[in-house]
Structures are given as structure tokens and as C-alpha cells.
Amino acid sequence: MEAWQVAVEAAQEKKAEDIAVLDLEEVASFTSFFVLCNGLNSRQNQAISDEVEKQLKQEGVRPASIEGYQQAEWILMDYGDFIVHIFSPRARNYYELERLWKTARRVPVAEAG
């Protein structure tokens, strides 16, 4: 299982909503995948982030950086080959990463598991 798939499963365990995976290999040079999701509030976003970090750490994968954890409106977890974005619903609507990266192939989340 790929590390980004572990991140998806961890987010699912914490009831993340609207999980999407964008394959950026053909359209970006800085990462291969975006994992996008949102929680209902900042506490849930932090719980999702904690679970993603915990499960990936068990696989020996550590983030290069984590940003936005304290406010938890948009938590960005940079793992190099993939980036996990955990949004509040408002922030996800505002930044519209799916629209900005619309040329990226959308990976069905069922492929993650």
C-alpha cells in the first residue's frame, strides 16, 4: 500500500468528509498526489491530522512539515511525494484546490484501500 493510501484510510477512520485524491504526476513537479478532505470543525481536523501522522509514522513515513495545526482551518501535511490537505468546509470552498488543479486525474477513493 502506498503511503498516500495509508493517509486516506487514516482520514476515513476519523470520519473525514469529501475525501478526494488528485494525481499530480503529469501536471506538477513538486509532489505526486494531493489528498484532500474536510472535517466539521477544528477539533475533528486536528484529530484527522493526528491519525494520519500516527499511521504514517508506524509505516516509517514522517512529514517534512505540518502547517496550520493550531487554527486547523487548513492543515497542510507535506510528505514530499504527497500532500495532505485537511480543511474546514469554509476553507475548502474558498481555496477550491480541486478547481485549481482540474487538469489532474482524480483517483477514486476506493482505489486507496
PDB file of N, CA and C in Angstrom:
ATOM      1  N   MET A   1       0.849  -1.186   0.000  1.00  0.00           N
ATOM      2  CA  MET A   1       0.000   0.000   0.000  1.00  0.00           C
ATOM      3  C   MET A   1       0.889   1.242   0.000  1.00  0.00           C
ATOM      4  N   GLU A   2       0.540   2.161  -0.866  1.00  0.00           N
ATOM      5  CA  GLU A   2       1.271   3.424  -0.952  1.00  0.00           C
ATOM      6  C   GLU A   2       1.000   4.263   0.303  1.00  0.00           C
ATOM      7  N   ALA A   3       1.945   5.123   0.647  1.00  0.00           N
ATOM      8  CA  ALA A   3       1.795   5.951   1.848  1.00  0.00           C
ATOM      9  C   ALA A   3       0.577   6.864   1.754  1.00  0.00           C
ATOM     10  N   TRP A   4       0.302   7.424   0.571  1.00  0.00           N
ATOM     11  CA  TRP A   4      -0.874   8.298   0.437  1.00  0.00           C
ATOM     12  C   TRP A   4      -2.159   7.517   0.701  1.00  0.00           C
ATOM     13  N   GLN A   5      -2.158   6.225   0.390  1.00  0.00           N
ATOM     14  CA  GLN A   5      -3.326   5.393   0.646  1.00  0.00           C
ATOM     15  C   GLN A   5      -3.523   5.177   2.157  1.00  0.00           C
ATOM     16  N   VAL A   6      -2.412   5.070   2.882  1.00  0.00           N
ATOM     17  CA  VAL A   6      -2.482   4.979   4.343  1.00  0.00           C
ATOM     18  C   VAL A   6      -3.108   6.254   4.891  1.00  0.00           C
ATOM     19  N   ALA A   7      -2.710   7.396   4.332  1.00  0.00           N
ATOM     20  CA  ALA A   7      -3.273   8.685   4.767  1.00  0.00           C
ATOM     21  C   ALA A   7      -4.779   8.728   4.535  1.00  0.00           C
ATOM     22  N   VAL A   8      -5.224   8.213   3.398  1.00  0.00           N
ATOM     23  CA  VAL A   8      -6.663   8.195   3.098  1.00  0.00           C
ATOM     24  C   VAL A   8      -7.393   7.325   4.119  1.00  0.00           C
ATOM     25  N   GLU A   9      -6.870   6.156   4.394  1.00  0.00           N
ATOM     26  CA  GLU A   9      -7.526   5.261   5.357  1.00  0.00           C
ATOM     27  C   GLU A   9      -7.570   5.884   6.753  1.00  0.00           C
ATOM     28  N   ALA A  10      -6.490   6.561   7.139  1.00  0.00           N
ATOM     29  CA  ALA A  10      -6.456   7.228   8.449  1.00  0.00           C
ATOM     30  C   ALA A  10      -7.521   8.317   8.510  1.00  0.00           C
ATOM     31  N   ALA A  11      -7.662   9.087   7.445  1.00  0.00           N
ATOM     32  CA  ALA A  11      -8.690  10.138   7.397  1.00  0.00           C
ATOM     33  C   ALA A  11     -10.078   9.520   7.479  1.00  0.00           C
ATOM     34  N   GLN A  12     -10.282   8.416   6.786  1.00  0.00           N
ATOM     35  CA  GLN A  12     -11.574   7.729   6.831  1.00  0.00           C
ATOM     36  C   GLN A  12     -11.902   7.263   8.245  1.00  0.00           C
ATOM     37  N   GLU A  13     -10.900   6.783   8.966  1.00  0.00           N
ATOM     38  CA  GLU A  13     -11.119   6.311  10.335  1.00  0.00           C
ATOM     39  C   GLU A  13     -11.600   7.427  11.253  1.00  0.00           C
ATOM     40  N   LYS A  14     -11.203   8.653  10.956  1.00  0.00           N
ATOM     41  CA  LYS A  14     -11.625   9.797  11.773  1.00  0.00           C
ATOM     42  C   LYS A  14     -12.799  10.539  11.153  1.00  0.00           C
ATOM     43  N   LYS A  15     -13.507   9.857  10.238  1.00  0.00           N
ATOM     44  CA  LYS A  15     -14.749  10.355   9.645  1.00  0.00           C
ATOM     45  C   LYS A  15     -14.571  11.634   8.836  1.00  0.00           C
ATOM     46  N   ALA A  16     -13.424  11.753   8.161  1.00  0.00           N
ATOM     47  CA  ALA A  16     -13.226  12.896   7.267  1.00  0.00           C
ATOM     48  C   ALA A  16     -14.293  12.856   6.175  1.00  0.00           C
ATOM     49  N   GLU A  17     -14.687  14.025   5.718  1.00  0.00           N
ATOM     50  CA  GLU A  17     -15.719  14.126   4.692  1.00  0.00           C
ATOM     51  C   GLU A  17     -15.105  14.511   3.352  1.00  0.00           C
ATOM     52  N   ASP A  18     -15.810  14.143   2.273  1.00  0.00           N
ATOM     53  CA  ASP A  18     -15.448  14.545   0.914  1.00  0.00           C
ATOM     54  C   ASP A  18     -13.971  14.292   0.597  1.00  0.00           C
ATOM     55  N   ILE A  19     -13.508  13.088   0.878  1.00  0.00           N
ATOM     56  CA  ILE A  19     -12.112  12.748   0.597  1.00  0.00           C
ATOM     57  C   ILE A  19     -11.918  12.664  -0.914  1.00  0.00           C
ATOM     58  N   ALA A  20     -10.887  13.337  -1.388  1.00  0.00           N
ATOM     59  CA  ALA A  20     -10.541  13.314  -2.810  1.00  0.00           C
ATOM     60  C   ALA A  20      -9.032  13.141  -2.931  1.00  0.00           C
ATOM     61  N   VAL A  21      -8.627  12.417  -3.969  1.00  0.00           N
ATOM     62  CA  VAL A  21      -7.210  12.233  -4.248  1.00  0.00           C
ATOM     63  C   VAL A  21      -6.967  12.702  -5.673  1.00  0.00           C
ATOM     64  N   LEU A  22      -6.018  13.623  -5.816  1.00  0.00           N
ATOM     65  CA  LEU A  22      -5.649  14.136  -7.135  1.00  0.00           C
ATOM     66  C   LEU A  22      -4.260  13.625  -7.491  1.00  0.00           C
ATOM     67  N   ASP A  23      -4.141  13.013  -8.649  1.00  0.00           N
ATOM     68  CA  ASP A  23      -2.865  12.526  -9.164  1.00  0.00           C
ATOM     69  C   ASP A  23      -2.223  13.676  -9.936  1.00  0.00           C
ATOM     70  N   LEU A  24      -1.159  14.227  -9.381  1.00  0.00           N
ATOM     71  CA  LEU A  24      -0.498  15.402  -9.963  1.00  0.00           C
ATOM     72  C   LEU A  24       0.766  15.049 -10.738  1.00  0.00           C
ATOM     73  N   GLU A  25       1.045  13.774 -10.911  1.00  0.00           N
ATOM     74  CA  GLU A  25       2.317  13.375 -11.533  1.00  0.00           C
ATOM     75  C   GLU A  25       2.528  13.983 -12.916  1.00  0.00           C
ATOM     76  N   GLU A  26       1.457  14.162 -13.665  1.00  0.00           N
ATOM     77  CA  GLU A  26       1.582  14.719 -15.021  1.00  0.00           C
ATOM     78  C   GLU A  26       1.498  16.242 -15.066  1.00  0.00           C
ATOM     79  N   VAL A  27       1.090  16.877 -13.952  1.00  0.00           N
ATOM     80  CA  VAL A  27       0.834  18.318 -14.007  1.00  0.00           C
ATOM     81  C   VAL A  27       1.638  19.160 -13.017  1.00  0.00           C
ATOM     82  N   ALA A  28       2.391  18.520 -12.128  1.00  0.00           N
ATOM     83  CA  ALA A  28       3.163  19.275 -11.143  1.00  0.00           C
ATOM     84  C   ALA A  28       4.507  18.588 -10.905  1.00  0.00           C
ATOM     85  N   SER A  29       5.498  19.376 -10.545  1.00  0.00           N
ATOM     86  CA  SER A  29       6.821  18.804 -10.292  1.00  0.00           C
ATOM     87  C   SER A  29       7.149  18.705  -8.797  1.00  0.00           C
ATOM     88  N   PHE A  30       6.350  19.340  -7.946  1.00  0.00           N
ATOM     89  CA  PHE A  30       6.684  19.411  -6.525  1.00  0.00           C
ATOM     90  C   PHE A  30       6.103  18.272  -5.693  1.00  0.00           C
ATOM     91  N   THR A  31       5.126  17.548  -6.211  1.00  0.00           N
ATOM     92  CA  THR A  31       4.536  16.418  -5.494  1.00  0.00           C
ATOM     93  C   THR A  31       3.785  15.543  -6.492  1.00  0.00           C
ATOM     94  N   SER A  32       3.439  14.331  -6.075  1.00  0.00           N
ATOM     95  CA  SER A  32       2.728  13.411  -6.968  1.00  0.00           C
ATOM     96  C   SER A  32       1.229  13.352  -6.702  1.00  0.00           C
ATOM     97  N   PHE A  33       0.828  13.516  -5.442  1.00  0.00           N
ATOM     98  CA  PHE A  33      -0.581  13.400  -5.090  1.00  0.00           C
ATOM     99  C   PHE A  33      -0.989  14.454  -4.073  1.00  0.00           C
ATOM    100  N   PHE A  34      -2.229  14.891  -4.172  1.00  0.00           N
ATOM    101  CA  PHE A  34      -2.903  15.642  -3.118  1.00  0.00           C
ATOM    102  C   PHE A  34      -3.960  14.721  -2.539  1.00  0.00           C
ATOM    103  N   VAL A  35      -4.012  14.657  -1.228  1.00  0.00           N
ATOM    104  CA  VAL A  35      -5.131  14.024  -0.520  1.00  0.00           C
ATOM    105  C   VAL A  35      -5.891  15.177   0.124  1.00  0.00           C
ATOM    106  N   LEU A  36      -7.150  15.349  -0.257  1.00  0.00           N
ATOM    107  CA  LEU A  36      -7.965  16.452   0.242  1.00  0.00           C
ATOM    108  C   LEU A  36      -9.140  15.895   1.035  1.00  0.00           C
ATOM    109  N   CYS A  37      -9.457  16.566   2.125  1.00  0.00           N
ATOM    110  CA  CYS A  37     -10.637  16.179   2.899  1.00  0.00           C
ATOM    111  C   CYS A  37     -11.023  17.337   3.800  1.00  0.00           C
ATOM    112  N   ASN A  38     -12.153  17.202   4.439  1.00  0.00           N
ATOM    113  CA  ASN A  38     -12.518  18.198   5.445  1.00  0.00           C
ATOM    114  C   ASN A  38     -13.213  17.532   6.617  1.00  0.00           C
ATOM    115  N   GLY A  39     -13.100  18.223   7.737  1.00  0.00           N
ATOM    116  CA  GLY A  39     -13.800  17.835   8.947  1.00  0.00           C
ATOM    117  C   GLY A  39     -14.866  18.873   9.235  1.00  0.00           C
ATOM    118  N   LEU A  40     -15.663  18.608  10.236  1.00  0.00           N
ATOM    119  CA  LEU A  40     -16.759  19.519  10.564  1.00  0.00           C
ATOM    120  C   LEU A  40     -16.318  20.696  11.421  1.00  0.00           C
ATOM    121  N   ASN A  41     -15.180  20.546  12.122  1.00  0.00           N
ATOM    122  CA  ASN A  41     -14.698  21.614  12.996  1.00  0.00           C
ATOM    123  C   ASN A  41     -13.199  21.437  13.219  1.00  0.00           C
ATOM    124  N   SER A  42     -12.595  22.399  13.909  1.00  0.00           N
ATOM    125  CA  SER A  42     -11.139  22.374  14.095  1.00  0.00           C
ATOM    126  C   SER A  42     -10.690  21.165  14.908  1.00  0.00           C
ATOM    127  N   ARG A  43     -11.472  20.736  15.877  1.00  0.00           N
ATOM    128  CA  ARG A  43     -11.090  19.562  16.672  1.00  0.00           C
ATOM    129  C   ARG A  43     -11.030  18.308  15.803  1.00  0.00           C
ATOM    130  N   GLN A  44     -12.020  18.156  14.937  1.00  0.00           N
ATOM    131  CA  GLN A  44     -12.012  16.997  14.055  1.00  0.00           C
ATOM    132  C   GLN A  44     -10.838  17.086  13.072  1.00  0.00           C
ATOM    133  N   ASN A  45     -10.567  18.270  12.550  1.00  0.00           N
ATOM    134  CA  ASN A  45      -9.431  18.431  11.642  1.00  0.00           C
ATOM    135  C   ASN A  45      -8.129  18.040  12.322  1.00  0.00           C
ATOM    136  N   GLN A  46      -7.953  18.453  13.576  1.00  0.00           N
ATOM    137  CA  GLN A  46      -6.753  18.071  14.316  1.00  0.00           C
ATOM    138  C   GLN A  46      -6.707  16.560  14.552  1.00  0.00           C
ATOM    139  N   ALA A  47      -7.849  15.958  14.842  1.00  0.00           N
ATOM    140  CA  ALA A  47      -7.899  14.507  15.049  1.00  0.00           C
ATOM    141  C   ALA A  47      -7.536  13.760  13.768  1.00  0.00           C
ATOM    142  N   ILE A  48      -8.023  14.255  12.631  1.00  0.00           N
ATOM    143  CA  ILE A  48      -7.667  13.651  11.341  1.00  0.00           C
ATOM    144  C   ILE A  48      -6.160  13.756  11.127  1.00  0.00           C
ATOM    145  N   SER A  49      -5.612  14.941  11.347  1.00  0.00           N
ATOM    146  CA  SER A  49      -4.181  15.163  11.194  1.00  0.00           C
ATOM    147  C   SER A  49      -3.381  14.243  12.111  1.00  0.00           C
ATOM    148  N   ASP A  50      -3.797  14.145  13.360  1.00  0.00           N
ATOM    149  CA  ASP A  50      -3.093  13.287  14.323  1.00  0.00           C
ATOM    150  C   ASP A  50      -3.096  11.832  13.868  1.00  0.00           C
ATOM    151  N   GLU A  51      -4.235  11.360  13.361  1.00  0.00           N
ATOM    152  CA  GLU A  51      -4.350   9.970  12.932  1.00  0.00           C
ATOM    153  C   GLU A  51      -3.512   9.707  11.676  1.00  0.00           C
ATOM    154  N   VAL A  52      -3.523  10.640  10.741  1.00  0.00           N
ATOM    155  CA  VAL A  52      -2.694  10.498   9.548  1.00  0.00           C
ATOM    156  C   VAL A  52      -1.226  10.414   9.949  1.00  0.00           C
ATOM    157  N   GLU A  53      -0.806  11.333  10.806  1.00  0.00           N
ATOM    158  CA  GLU A  53       0.594  11.349  11.233  1.00  0.00           C
ATOM    159  C   GLU A  53       0.952  10.064  11.976  1.00  0.00           C
ATOM    160  N   LYS A  54       0.075   9.613  12.847  1.00  0.00           N
ATOM    161  CA  LYS A  54       0.330   8.394  13.638  1.00  0.00           C
ATOM    162  C   LYS A  54       0.485   7.164  12.743  1.00  0.00           C
ATOM    163  N   GLN A  55      -0.475   6.984  11.821  1.00  0.00           N
ATOM    164  CA  GLN A  55      -0.433   5.791  10.978  1.00  0.00           C
ATOM    165  C   GLN A  55       0.748   5.807  10.005  1.00  0.00           C
ATOM    166  N   LEU A  56       1.076   6.973   9.485  1.00  0.00           N
ATOM    167  CA  LEU A  56       2.230   7.044   8.590  1.00  0.00           C
ATOM    168  C   LEU A  56       3.536   6.860   9.352  1.00  0.00           C
ATOM    169  N   LYS A  57       3.597   7.352  10.574  1.00  0.00           N
ATOM    170  CA  LYS A  57       4.788   7.169  11.401  1.00  0.00           C
ATOM    171  C   LYS A  57       5.025   5.678  11.651  1.00  0.00           C
ATOM    172  N   GLN A  58       3.935   4.923  11.846  1.00  0.00           N
ATOM    173  CA  GLN A  58       4.047   3.474  12.038  1.00  0.00           C
ATOM    174  C   GLN A  58       4.619   2.790  10.789  1.00  0.00           C
ATOM    175  N   GLU A  59       4.434   3.432   9.637  1.00  0.00           N
ATOM    176  CA  GLU A  59       4.969   2.908   8.372  1.00  0.00           C
ATOM    177  C   GLU A  59       6.377   3.455   8.096  1.00  0.00           C
ATOM    178  N   GLY A  60       6.888   4.259   9.028  1.00  0.00           N
ATOM    179  CA  GLY A  60       8.217   4.839   8.849  1.00  0.00           C
ATOM    180  C   GLY A  60       8.237   6.074   7.975  1.00  0.00           C
ATOM    181  N   VAL A  61       7.068   6.691   7.771  1.00  0.00           N
ATOM    182  CA  VAL A  61       6.953   7.874   6.917  1.00  0.00           C
ATOM    183  C   VAL A  61       6.660   9.078   7.796  1.00  0.00           C
ATOM    184  N   ARG A  62       7.506  10.085   7.692  1.00  0.00           N
ATOM    185  CA  ARG A  62       7.343  11.295   8.503  1.00  0.00           C
ATOM    186  C   ARG A  62       7.191  12.516   7.605  1.00  0.00           C
ATOM    187  N   PRO A  63       6.411  13.497   8.074  1.00  0.00           N
ATOM    188  CA  PRO A  63       6.215  14.692   7.245  1.00  0.00           C
ATOM    189  C   PRO A  63       7.440  15.598   7.245  1.00  0.00           C
ATOM    190  N   ALA A  64       7.654  16.264   6.113  1.00  0.00           N
ATOM    191  CA  ALA A  64       8.690  17.291   6.051  1.00  0.00           C
ATOM    192  C   ALA A  64       8.238  18.493   6.865  1.00  0.00           C
ATOM    193  N   SER A  65       6.920  18.768   6.827  1.00  0.00           N
ATOM    194  CA  SER A  65       6.371  19.867   7.621  1.00  0.00           C
ATOM    195  C   SER A  65       4.862  19.703   7.769  1.00  0.00           C
ATOM    196  N   ILE A  66       4.349  20.325   8.817  1.00  0.00           N
ATOM    197  CA  ILE A  66       2.906  20.409   9.048  1.00  0.00           C
ATOM    198  C   ILE A  66       2.611  21.863   9.356  1.00  0.00           C
ATOM    199  N   GLU A  67       1.675  22.434   8.623  1.00  0.00           N
ATOM    200  CA  GLU A  67       1.317  23.833   8.829  1.00  0.00           C
ATOM    201  C   GLU A  67      -0.169  23.955   9.132  1.00  0.00           C
ATOM    202  N   GLY A  68      -0.521  24.951   9.938  1.00  0.00           N
ATOM    203  CA  GLY A  68      -1.913  25.268  10.196  1.00  0.00           C
ATOM    204  C   GLY A  68      -2.590  24.449  11.279  1.00  0.00           C
ATOM    205  N   TYR A  69      -1.820  23.656  12.023  1.00  0.00           N
ATOM    206  CA  TYR A  69      -2.424  22.750  13.004  1.00  0.00           C
ATOM    207  C   TYR A  69      -3.160  23.496  14.115  1.00  0.00           C
ATOM    208  N   GLN A  70      -2.598  24.581  14.612  1.00  0.00           N
ATOM    209  CA  GLN A  70      -3.202  25.274  15.757  1.00  0.00           C
ATOM    210  C   GLN A  70      -4.581  25.835  15.445  1.00  0.00           C
ATOM    211  N   GLN A  71      -4.708  26.536  14.328  1.00  0.00           N
ATOM    212  CA  GLN A  71      -6.017  27.101  13.973  1.00  0.00           C
ATOM    213  C   GLN A  71      -6.912  26.065  13.316  1.00  0.00           C
ATOM    214  N   ALA A  72      -6.300  25.145  12.583  1.00  0.00           N
ATOM    215  CA  ALA A  72      -6.978  23.986  11.994  1.00  0.00           C
ATOM    216  C   ALA A  72      -8.089  24.332  11.006  1.00  0.00           C
ATOM    217  N   GLU A  73      -7.996  25.503  10.378  1.00  0.00           N
ATOM    218  CA  GLU A  73      -8.901  25.827   9.270  1.00  0.00           C
ATOM    219  C   GLU A  73      -8.431  25.113   8.008  1.00  0.00           C
ATOM    220  N   TRP A  74      -7.105  25.035   7.852  1.00  0.00           N
ATOM    221  CA  TRP A  74      -6.491  24.329   6.738  1.00  0.00           C
ATOM    222  C   TRP A  74      -5.173  23.778   7.253  1.00  0.00           C
ATOM    223  N   ILE A  75      -5.127  22.493   7.456  1.00  0.00           N
ATOM    224  CA  ILE A  75      -3.897  21.834   7.888  1.00  0.00           C
ATOM    225  C   ILE A  75      -3.244  21.239   6.647  1.00  0.00           C
ATOM    226  N   LEU A  76      -1.987  21.582   6.429  1.00  0.00           N
ATOM    227  CA  LEU A  76      -1.226  21.078   5.297  1.00  0.00           C
ATOM    228  C   LEU A  76      -0.121  20.184   5.837  1.00  0.00           C
ATOM    229  N   MET A  77      -0.131  18.942   5.409  1.00  0.00           N
ATOM    230  CA  MET A  77       0.869  17.957   5.841  1.00  0.00           C
ATOM    231  C   MET A  77       1.695  17.571   4.613  1.00  0.00           C
ATOM    232  N   ASP A  78       2.942  18.022   4.563  1.00  0.00           N
ATOM    233  CA  ASP A  78       3.796  17.804   3.400  1.00  0.00           C
ATOM    234  C   ASP A  78       4.665  16.572   3.617  1.00  0.00           C
ATOM    235  N   TYR A  79       4.383  15.535   2.833  1.00  0.00           N
ATOM    236  CA  TYR A  79       5.149  14.295   2.897  1.00  0.00           C
ATOM    237  C   TYR A  79       6.048  14.124   1.670  1.00  0.00           C
ATOM    238  N   GLY A  80       6.277  15.203   0.942  1.00  0.00           N
ATOM    239  CA  GLY A  80       7.140  15.138  -0.230  1.00  0.00           C
ATOM    240  C   GLY A  80       6.412  14.580  -1.439  1.00  0.00           C
ATOM    241  N   ASP A  81       6.289  13.258  -1.521  1.00  0.00           N
ATOM    242  CA  ASP A  81       5.618  12.613  -2.652  1.00  0.00           C
ATOM    243  C   ASP A  81       4.121  12.883  -2.679  1.00  0.00           C
ATOM    244  N   PHE A  82       3.577  13.256  -1.545  1.00  0.00           N
ATOM    245  CA  PHE A  82       2.156  13.608  -1.480  1.00  0.00           C
ATOM    246  C   PHE A  82       1.942  14.641  -0.388  1.00  0.00           C
ATOM    247  N   ILE A  83       0.847  15.382  -0.522  1.00  0.00           N
ATOM    248  CA  ILE A  83       0.498  16.419   0.449  1.00  0.00           C
ATOM    249  C   ILE A  83      -0.936  16.176   0.887  1.00  0.00           C
ATOM    250  N   VAL A  84      -1.149  16.169   2.191  1.00  0.00           N
ATOM    251  CA  VAL A  84      -2.484  16.013   2.754  1.00  0.00           C
ATOM    252  C   VAL A  84      -3.003  17.396   3.128  1.00  0.00           C
ATOM    253  N   HIS A  85      -4.194  17.727   2.624  1.00  0.00           N
ATOM    254  CA  HIS A  85      -4.862  18.991   2.932  1.00  0.00           C
ATOM    255  C   HIS A  85      -6.122  18.657   3.715  1.00  0.00           C
ATOM    256  N   ILE A  86      -6.199  19.168   4.936  1.00  0.00           N
ATOM    257  CA  ILE A  86      -7.384  18.954   5.775  1.00  0.00           C
ATOM    258  C   ILE A  86      -8.007  20.322   6.018  1.00  0.00           C
ATOM    259  N   PHE A  87      -9.211  20.497   5.512  1.00  0.00           N
ATOM    260  CA  PHE A  87      -9.862  21.797   5.529  1.00  0.00           C
ATOM    261  C   PHE A  87     -11.080  21.827   6.450  1.00  0.00           C
ATOM    262  N   SER A  88     -11.453  23.046   6.853  1.00  0.00           N
ATOM    263  CA  SER A  88     -12.815  23.282   7.317  1.00  0.00           C
ATOM    264  C   SER A  88     -13.647  23.370   6.038  1.00  0.00           C
ATOM    265  N   PRO A  89     -14.950  23.129   6.097  1.00  0.00           N
ATOM    266  CA  PRO A  89     -15.763  23.262   4.878  1.00  0.00           C
ATOM    267  C   PRO A  89     -15.628  24.649   4.244  1.00  0.00           C
ATOM    268  N   ARG A  90     -15.579  25.686   5.068  1.00  0.00           N
ATOM    269  CA  ARG A  90     -15.462  27.057   4.553  1.00  0.00           C
ATOM    270  C   ARG A  90     -14.141  27.264   3.805  1.00  0.00           C
ATOM    271  N   ALA A  91     -13.052  26.805   4.388  1.00  0.00           N
ATOM    272  CA  ALA A  91     -11.743  26.977   3.744  1.00  0.00           C
ATOM    273  C   ALA A  91     -11.659  26.168   2.448  1.00  0.00           C
ATOM    274  N   ARG A  92     -12.234  24.978   2.447  1.00  0.00           N
ATOM    275  CA  ARG A  92     -12.194  24.167   1.230  1.00  0.00           C
ATOM    276  C   ARG A  92     -12.955  24.854   0.098  1.00  0.00           C
ATOM    277  N   ASN A  93     -14.105  25.416   0.412  1.00  0.00           N
ATOM    278  CA  ASN A  93     -14.873  26.145  -0.596  1.00  0.00           C
ATOM    279  C   ASN A  93     -14.132  27.383  -1.080  1.00  0.00           C
ATOM    280  N   TYR A  94     -13.450  28.056  -0.171  1.00  0.00           N
ATOM    281  CA  TYR A  94     -12.757  29.293  -0.518  1.00  0.00           C
ATOM    282  C   TYR A  94     -11.551  29.027  -1.433  1.00  0.00           C
ATOM    283  N   TYR A  95     -10.729  28.048  -1.080  1.00  0.00           N
ATOM    284  CA  TYR A  95      -9.494  27.808  -1.834  1.00  0.00           C
ATOM    285  C   TYR A  95      -9.701  26.962  -3.091  1.00  0.00           C
ATOM    286  N   GLU A  96     -10.722  26.145  -3.130  1.00  0.00           N
ATOM    287  CA  GLU A  96     -11.099  25.371  -4.315  1.00  0.00           C
ATOM    288  C   GLU A  96      -9.917  24.704  -5.021  1.00  0.00           C
ATOM    289  N   LEU A  97      -9.148  23.920  -4.288  1.00  0.00           N
ATOM    290  CA  LEU A  97      -7.988  23.266  -4.889  1.00  0.00           C
ATOM    291  C   LEU A  97      -8.372  22.312  -6.018  1.00  0.00           C
ATOM    292  N   GLU A  98      -9.515  21.665  -5.896  1.00  0.00           N
ATOM    293  CA  GLU A  98      -9.947  20.781  -6.980  1.00  0.00           C
ATOM    294  C   GLU A  98     -10.133  21.554  -8.285  1.00  0.00           C
ATOM    295  N   ARG A  99     -10.648  22.772  -8.193  1.00  0.00           N
ATOM    296  CA  ARG A  99     -10.812  23.595  -9.393  1.00  0.00           C
ATOM    297  C   ARG A  99      -9.462  24.079  -9.908  1.00  0.00           C
ATOM    298  N   LEU A 100      -8.589  24.500  -9.003  1.00  0.00           N
ATOM    299  CA  LEU A 100      -7.272  24.992  -9.419  1.00  0.00           C
ATOM    300  C   LEU A 100      -6.446  23.899 -10.097  1.00  0.00           C
ATOM    301  N   TRP A 101      -6.641  22.656  -9.669  1.00  0.00           N
ATOM    302  CA  TRP A 101      -5.891  21.524 -10.221  1.00  0.00           C
ATOM    303  C   TRP A 101      -6.811  20.625 -11.044  1.00  0.00           C
ATOM    304  N   LYS A 102      -7.737  21.220 -11.772  1.00  0.00           N
ATOM    305  CA  LYS A 102      -8.743  20.441 -12.510  1.00  0.00           C
ATOM    306  C   LYS A 102      -8.141  19.571 -13.605  1.00  0.00           C
ATOM    307  N   THR A 103      -6.922  19.857 -14.043  1.00  0.00           N
ATOM    308  CA  THR A 103      -6.294  19.018 -15.063  1.00  0.00           C
ATOM    309  C   THR A 103      -5.706  17.733 -14.475  1.00  0.00           C
ATOM    310  N   ALA A 104      -5.640  17.651 -13.163  1.00  0.00           N
ATOM    311  CA  ALA A 104      -5.120  16.445 -12.508  1.00  0.00           C
ATOM    312  C   ALA A 104      -6.162  15.326 -12.572  1.00  0.00           C
ATOM    313  N   ARG A 105      -5.685  14.111 -12.720  1.00  0.00           N
ATOM    314  CA  ARG A 105      -6.583  12.953 -12.701  1.00  0.00           C
ATOM    315  C   ARG A 105      -7.087  12.737 -11.281  1.00  0.00           C
ATOM    316  N   ARG A 106      -8.381  12.544 -11.161  1.00  0.00           N
ATOM    317  CA  ARG A 106      -8.982  12.274  -9.851  1.00  0.00           C
ATOM    318  C   ARG A 106      -8.953  10.765  -9.620  1.00  0.00           C
ATOM    319  N   VAL A 107      -8.326  10.347  -8.527  1.00  0.00           N
ATOM    320  CA  VAL A 107      -8.200   8.933  -8.203  1.00  0.00           C
ATOM    321  C   VAL A 107      -9.409   8.534  -7.363  1.00  0.00           C
ATOM    322  N   PRO A 108     -10.168   7.535  -7.791  1.00  0.00           N
ATOM    323  CA  PRO A 108     -11.299   7.094  -6.952  1.00  0.00           C
ATOM    324  C   PRO A 108     -10.794   6.660  -5.573  1.00  0.00           C
ATOM    325  N   VAL A 109     -11.444   7.129  -4.545  1.00  0.00           N
ATOM    326  CA  VAL A 109     -11.000   6.828  -3.182  1.00  0.00           C
ATOM    327  C   VAL A 109     -11.043   5.327  -2.922  1.00  0.00           C
ATOM    328  N   ALA A 110     -11.903   4.604  -3.610  1.00  0.00           N
ATOM    329  CA  ALA A 110     -11.952   3.152  -3.457  1.00  0.00           C
ATOM    330  C   ALA A 110     -10.605   2.522  -3.821  1.00  0.00           C
ATOM    331  N   GLU A 111      -9.823   3.164  -4.716  1.00  0.00           N
ATOM    332  CA  GLU A 111      -8.501   2.659  -5.075  1.00  0.00           C
ATOM    333  C   GLU A 111      -7.518   2.804  -3.924  1.00  0.00           C
ATOM    334  N   ALA A 112      -7.857   3.657  -2.973  1.00  0.00           N
ATOM    335  CA  ALA A 112      -6.940   3.898  -1.864  1.00  0.00           C
ATOM    336  C   ALA A 112      -6.829   2.679  -0.963  1.00  0.00           C
ATOM    337  N   GLY A 113      -7.930   1.994  -0.734  1.00  0.00           N
ATOM    338  CA  GLY A 113      -7.933   0.891   0.214  1.00  0.00           C
ATOM    339  C   GLY A 113      -7.483  -0.380  -0.282  1.00  0.00           C
TER     340      GLY A 113
END
